[in-house]
Amino acid sequence: MTFPTSPPRGSEPRPWNFPATVRTRLEGGLSVIAVRMASLPIVHVRWSFRSGRIHEPCLLTGVGRLVGAVARHGTRRWDSKGLALRLDHLGAHLSVSVAPDNTVVSVQALSQHLEQALEIAEEVAHRPTFPEPDIERERAKLLDLLLHRQSE
């Protein structure tokens, strides 16, 4: 048996039709971009803010990652457990990430739960409480991750 000397021949590229995009700006200046894909009854909402880790003071490098990790652990309305139970009840997934140039709060849920999913994302984006025990736990996890990466 011999090993092939060239890759298999590929097929011709198939056409890809991107779904229509609807763009609008709300009264408060928020830009909304919507893409409808009717094949799945799922919504994925992402709020992107022009604020990221690049704005961290030198002596506080890493605080953006910590903010992203802790923001989903409680709001004025729900504590960490209450928020997790609410998300579980809806079958929804929430994430918060802080990149160098932006911060994103996103939530995925079934379309029928869009209103409740938006309510949760809005609460996390605008009213996180940053509970002290969660800050310390996430801080320890991030330090462990840093030490692990340095040891590789």
Protein backbone atom coordinates (compact mmCIF):
# COMPACT_ATOMS: atom_id res chain seq x y z
CA MET A 1 0.00 0.00 0.00
CA THR A 2 1.37 3.41 -0.91
CA PHE A 3 0.72 6.73 0.73
CA PRO A 4 -0.96 9.31 -1.54
CA THR A 5 1.38 11.97 -2.85
CA SER A 6 -1.32 14.58 -3.47
CA PRO A 7 -4.54 15.59 -1.75
CA PRO A 8 -7.86 14.34 -3.08
CA ARG A 9 -9.49 16.52 -5.69
CA GLY A 10 -12.15 18.85 -4.26
CA SER A 11 -15.53 19.62 -5.72
CA GLU A 12 -16.58 22.91 -7.25
CA PRO A 13 -17.54 25.55 -4.68
CA ARG A 14 -21.25 25.71 -4.00
CA PRO A 15 -23.01 29.05 -3.98
CA TRP A 16 -23.71 30.52 -0.56
CA ASN A 17 -26.56 32.93 -0.12
CA PHE A 18 -26.22 34.95 3.04
CA PRO A 19 -29.49 35.69 4.82
CA ALA A 20 -30.90 39.19 4.58
CA THR A 21 -29.68 41.63 7.22
CA VAL A 22 -31.94 44.26 8.74
CA ARG A 23 -30.23 47.26 10.34
CA THR A 24 -31.90 49.90 12.46
CA ARG A 25 -31.01 52.42 15.14
CA LEU A 26 -33.14 52.76 18.27
CA GLU A 27 -34.08 56.08 19.91
CA GLY A 28 -31.23 55.91 22.42
CA GLY A 29 -28.68 55.41 19.63
CA LEU A 30 -28.34 51.62 19.96
CA SER A 31 -27.63 49.96 16.61
CA VAL A 32 -29.56 46.76 15.98
CA ILE A 33 -28.57 44.25 13.32
CA ALA A 34 -30.94 41.32 12.82
CA VAL A 35 -30.53 38.21 10.70
CA ARG A 36 -33.43 35.81 10.36
CA MET A 37 -32.70 32.13 9.80
CA ALA A 38 -36.06 30.43 9.84
CA SER A 39 -34.62 26.91 9.85
CA LEU A 40 -34.06 27.00 13.64
CA PRO A 41 -36.38 28.34 16.38
CA ILE A 42 -33.42 29.86 18.23
CA VAL A 43 -32.42 33.44 18.95
CA HIS A 44 -28.89 34.57 19.63
CA VAL A 45 -28.65 38.13 20.91
CA ARG A 46 -25.27 39.86 21.25
CA TRP A 47 -24.75 43.29 22.75
CA SER A 48 -21.37 44.71 21.91
CA PHE A 49 -20.02 47.72 23.81
CA ARG A 50 -17.01 49.78 22.67
CA SER A 51 -15.07 49.16 25.82
CA GLY A 52 -12.46 46.48 26.27
CA ARG A 53 -9.27 45.42 27.97
CA ILE A 54 -7.25 48.01 26.06
CA HIS A 55 -8.63 50.60 28.49
CA GLU A 56 -7.26 48.78 31.57
CA PRO A 57 -4.76 50.77 33.63
CA CYS A 58 -1.30 49.16 33.57
CA LEU A 59 -1.46 48.30 37.26
CA LEU A 60 -4.83 46.55 36.77
CA THR A 61 -3.99 44.34 33.80
CA GLY A 62 -6.43 41.43 33.75
CA VAL A 63 -9.30 43.22 35.45
CA GLY A 64 -11.32 43.08 32.20
CA ARG A 65 -11.20 39.29 32.16
CA LEU A 66 -12.25 39.29 35.80
CA VAL A 67 -15.18 41.61 35.07
CA GLY A 68 -16.28 39.33 32.23
CA ALA A 69 -16.08 36.26 34.45
CA VAL A 70 -17.94 37.79 37.42
CA ALA A 71 -20.61 39.87 35.64
CA ARG A 72 -22.80 36.82 35.08
CA HIS A 73 -22.75 35.90 38.78
CA GLY A 74 -25.46 38.24 39.91
CA THR A 75 -27.42 41.39 39.29
CA ARG A 76 -29.52 43.74 41.36
CA ARG A 77 -32.51 41.56 40.52
CA TRP A 78 -31.04 38.03 40.75
CA ASP A 79 -28.19 36.56 42.75
CA SER A 80 -25.89 34.01 41.12
CA LYS A 81 -28.13 31.04 41.92
CA GLY A 82 -31.30 32.87 40.89
CA LEU A 83 -29.75 33.89 37.58
CA ALA A 84 -28.57 30.32 36.91
CA LEU A 85 -32.02 28.92 37.75
CA ARG A 86 -33.70 31.45 35.46
CA LEU A 87 -31.37 30.56 32.59
CA ASP A 88 -31.87 26.82 33.20
CA HIS A 89 -35.65 27.26 33.28
CA LEU A 90 -35.52 28.90 29.85
CA GLY A 91 -32.91 26.49 28.47
CA ALA A 92 -30.84 29.59 27.72
CA HIS A 93 -27.10 30.22 27.66
CA LEU A 94 -25.54 33.51 28.75
CA SER A 95 -21.97 34.66 28.24
CA VAL A 96 -19.97 37.79 28.94
CA SER A 97 -16.62 38.35 27.29
CA VAL A 98 -14.20 41.23 27.39
CA ALA A 99 -11.94 41.42 24.35
CA PRO A 100 -9.21 43.97 23.76
CA ASP A 101 -11.55 46.40 22.00
CA ASN A 102 -15.08 45.49 23.10
CA THR A 103 -17.25 43.82 25.69
CA VAL A 104 -19.99 41.42 24.58
CA VAL A 105 -23.00 40.17 26.51
CA SER A 106 -24.77 37.41 24.61
CA VAL A 107 -27.67 35.11 25.26
CA GLN A 108 -29.08 32.17 23.30
CA ALA A 109 -32.55 30.75 23.82
CA LEU A 110 -35.55 29.33 22.01
CA SER A 111 -37.36 31.99 20.01
CA GLN A 112 -40.43 31.65 22.22
CA HIS A 113 -38.30 32.88 25.16
CA LEU A 114 -36.86 35.94 23.39
CA GLU A 115 -38.44 38.49 25.73
CA GLN A 116 -37.22 36.74 28.89
CA ALA A 117 -33.74 36.19 27.38
CA LEU A 118 -33.46 39.89 26.52
CA GLU A 119 -34.54 40.78 30.05
CA ILE A 120 -31.73 38.66 31.49
CA ALA A 121 -29.08 40.01 29.10
CA GLU A 122 -30.15 43.59 29.79
CA GLU A 123 -29.98 43.02 33.54
CA VAL A 124 -26.47 41.50 33.31
CA ALA A 125 -25.24 44.25 30.95
CA HIS A 126 -26.57 47.16 33.00
CA ARG A 127 -26.86 46.03 36.62
CA PRO A 128 -24.22 43.45 37.59
CA THR A 129 -23.43 43.39 41.31
CA PHE A 130 -19.98 41.74 41.29
CA PRO A 131 -20.43 39.77 44.55
CA GLU A 132 -17.19 39.63 46.56
CA PRO A 133 -17.11 35.80 47.00
CA ASP A 134 -17.52 35.36 43.23
CA ILE A 135 -14.79 37.92 42.53
CA GLU A 136 -12.37 36.00 44.75
CA ARG A 137 -13.31 32.61 43.28
CA GLU A 138 -12.98 33.83 39.66
CA ARG A 139 -9.76 35.68 40.52
CA ALA A 140 -8.26 32.45 41.90
CA LYS A 141 -9.33 30.57 38.76
CA LEU A 142 -7.75 33.18 36.50
CA LEU A 143 -4.51 33.14 38.53
CA ASP A 144 -4.42 29.33 38.31
CA LEU A 145 -4.90 29.58 34.54
CA LEU A 146 -2.07 32.12 34.29
CA LEU A 147 0.27 29.93 36.34
CA HIS A 148 -0.62 26.91 34.21
CA ARG A 149 0.11 28.83 30.99
CA GLN A 150 3.43 30.06 32.36
CA SER A 151 4.46 26.50 33.24
CA GLU A 152 3.92 25.23 29.68
